[in-house]
C-alpha atoms as a PDB file:
ATOM      1  CA  UNK A   1     -10.171 -22.314  -2.025  1.00  0.00           C
ATOM      2  CA  UNK A   2      -8.156 -20.254  -3.964  1.00  0.00           C
ATOM      3  CA  UNK A   3      -4.827 -21.942  -5.287  1.00  0.00           C
ATOM      4  CA  UNK A   4      -2.213 -19.349  -6.547  1.00  0.00           C
ATOM      5  CA  UNK A   5       1.314 -20.530  -8.286  1.00  0.00           C
ATOM      6  CA  UNK A   6       4.439 -18.640  -7.883  1.00  0.00           C
ATOM      7  CA  UNK A   7       6.603 -17.217 -10.638  1.00  0.00           C
ATOM      8  CA  UNK A   8       9.930 -15.822  -9.696  1.00  0.00           C
ATOM      9  CA  UNK A   9      11.628 -13.731 -12.880  1.00  0.00           C
ATOM     10  CA  UNK A  10      14.907 -12.265 -12.687  1.00  0.00           C
ATOM     11  CA  UNK A  11      14.433  -8.387 -14.307  1.00  0.00           C
ATOM     12  CA  UNK A  12      17.303  -5.751 -15.036  1.00  0.00           C
ATOM     13  CA  UNK A  13      17.505  -3.608 -12.118  1.00  0.00           C
ATOM     14  CA  UNK A  14      16.310  -0.320 -14.336  1.00  0.00           C
ATOM     15  CA  UNK A  15      13.486  -2.294 -14.797  1.00  0.00           C
ATOM     16  CA  UNK A  16      12.868  -3.205 -11.051  1.00  0.00           C
ATOM     17  CA  UNK A  17      13.257   0.521 -10.583  1.00  0.00           C
ATOM     18  CA  UNK A  18      10.788   1.175 -13.541  1.00  0.00           C
ATOM     19  CA  UNK A  19       8.374  -0.856 -11.855  1.00  0.00           C
ATOM     20  CA  UNK A  20       8.181   0.421  -8.414  1.00  0.00           C
ATOM     21  CA  UNK A  21       8.126   4.038  -9.348  1.00  0.00           C
ATOM     22  CA  UNK A  22       4.904   3.206 -11.953  1.00  0.00           C
ATOM     23  CA  UNK A  23       3.434   1.440  -8.561  1.00  0.00           C
ATOM     24  CA  UNK A  24       4.033   4.216  -6.031  1.00  0.00           C
ATOM     25  CA  UNK A  25       2.693   6.932  -8.828  1.00  0.00           C
ATOM     26  CA  UNK A  26      -0.229   4.847  -9.636  1.00  0.00           C
ATOM     27  CA  UNK A  27      -0.917   3.257  -6.068  1.00  0.00           C
ATOM     28  CA  UNK A  28      -1.561   0.127  -7.462  1.00  0.00           C
ATOM     29  CA  UNK A  29       0.890  -3.042  -6.428  1.00  0.00           C
ATOM     30  CA  UNK A  30       3.485  -4.197  -8.639  1.00  0.00           C
ATOM     31  CA  UNK A  31       1.476  -7.697  -8.863  1.00  0.00           C
ATOM     32  CA  UNK A  32      -1.583  -6.151 -10.111  1.00  0.00           C
ATOM     33  CA  UNK A  33       1.123  -4.168 -13.181  1.00  0.00           C
ATOM     34  CA  UNK A  34       2.397  -7.123 -14.198  1.00  0.00           C
ATOM     35  CA  UNK A  35      -0.760  -9.161 -14.380  1.00  0.00           C
ATOM     36  CA  UNK A  36      -2.298  -5.954 -16.347  1.00  0.00           C
ATOM     37  CA  UNK A  37       0.873  -6.226 -18.799  1.00  0.00           C
ATOM     38  CA  UNK A  38       0.552  -9.843 -19.128  1.00  0.00           C
ATOM     39  CA  UNK A  39      -3.136  -9.706 -19.450  1.00  0.00           C
ATOM     40  CA  UNK A  40      -2.834  -6.640 -22.337  1.00  0.00           C
ATOM     41  CA  UNK A  41       0.096  -9.493 -24.137  1.00  0.00           C
ATOM     42  CA  UNK A  42      -2.550 -11.682 -24.439  1.00  0.00           C
ATOM     43  CA  UNK A  43      -1.946 -14.042 -21.279  1.00  0.00           C
ATOM     44  CA  UNK A  44      -5.077 -15.377 -19.658  1.00  0.00           C
ATOM     45  CA  UNK A  45      -5.486 -13.714 -16.090  1.00  0.00           C
ATOM     46  CA  UNK A  46      -9.018 -14.231 -14.408  1.00  0.00           C
ATOM     47  CA  UNK A  47     -10.637 -10.512 -14.403  1.00  0.00           C
ATOM     48  CA  UNK A  48     -10.839 -10.692 -10.694  1.00  0.00           C
ATOM     49  CA  UNK A  49      -7.218 -10.512 -10.057  1.00  0.00           C
ATOM     50  CA  UNK A  50      -6.521  -7.488 -12.451  1.00  0.00           C
ATOM     51  CA  UNK A  51      -7.341  -5.439  -8.599  1.00  0.00           C
ATOM     52  CA  UNK A  52      -5.193  -4.761  -5.787  1.00  0.00           C
ATOM     53  CA  UNK A  53      -5.817  -7.087  -3.019  1.00  0.00           C
ATOM     54  CA  UNK A  54      -3.888  -4.958  -0.535  1.00  0.00           C
ATOM     55  CA  UNK A  55      -5.898  -3.392   2.653  1.00  0.00           C
ATOM     56  CA  UNK A  56      -7.049  -0.315   2.248  1.00  0.00           C
ATOM     57  CA  UNK A  57      -5.885   1.970   5.310  1.00  0.00           C
END
């Protein structure tokens, strides 16, 4: 069983809007975009978590 932790942050409205726009343009979830950015900053993120878990329709 995979256990996940909840991380809740507060960001400026412009940051959230930019993230939402990037997600819409790329087709990736905001979660994936943030995890990729964290990995690029040197934060440990398991490789299996860097893909979109939403179901393909």
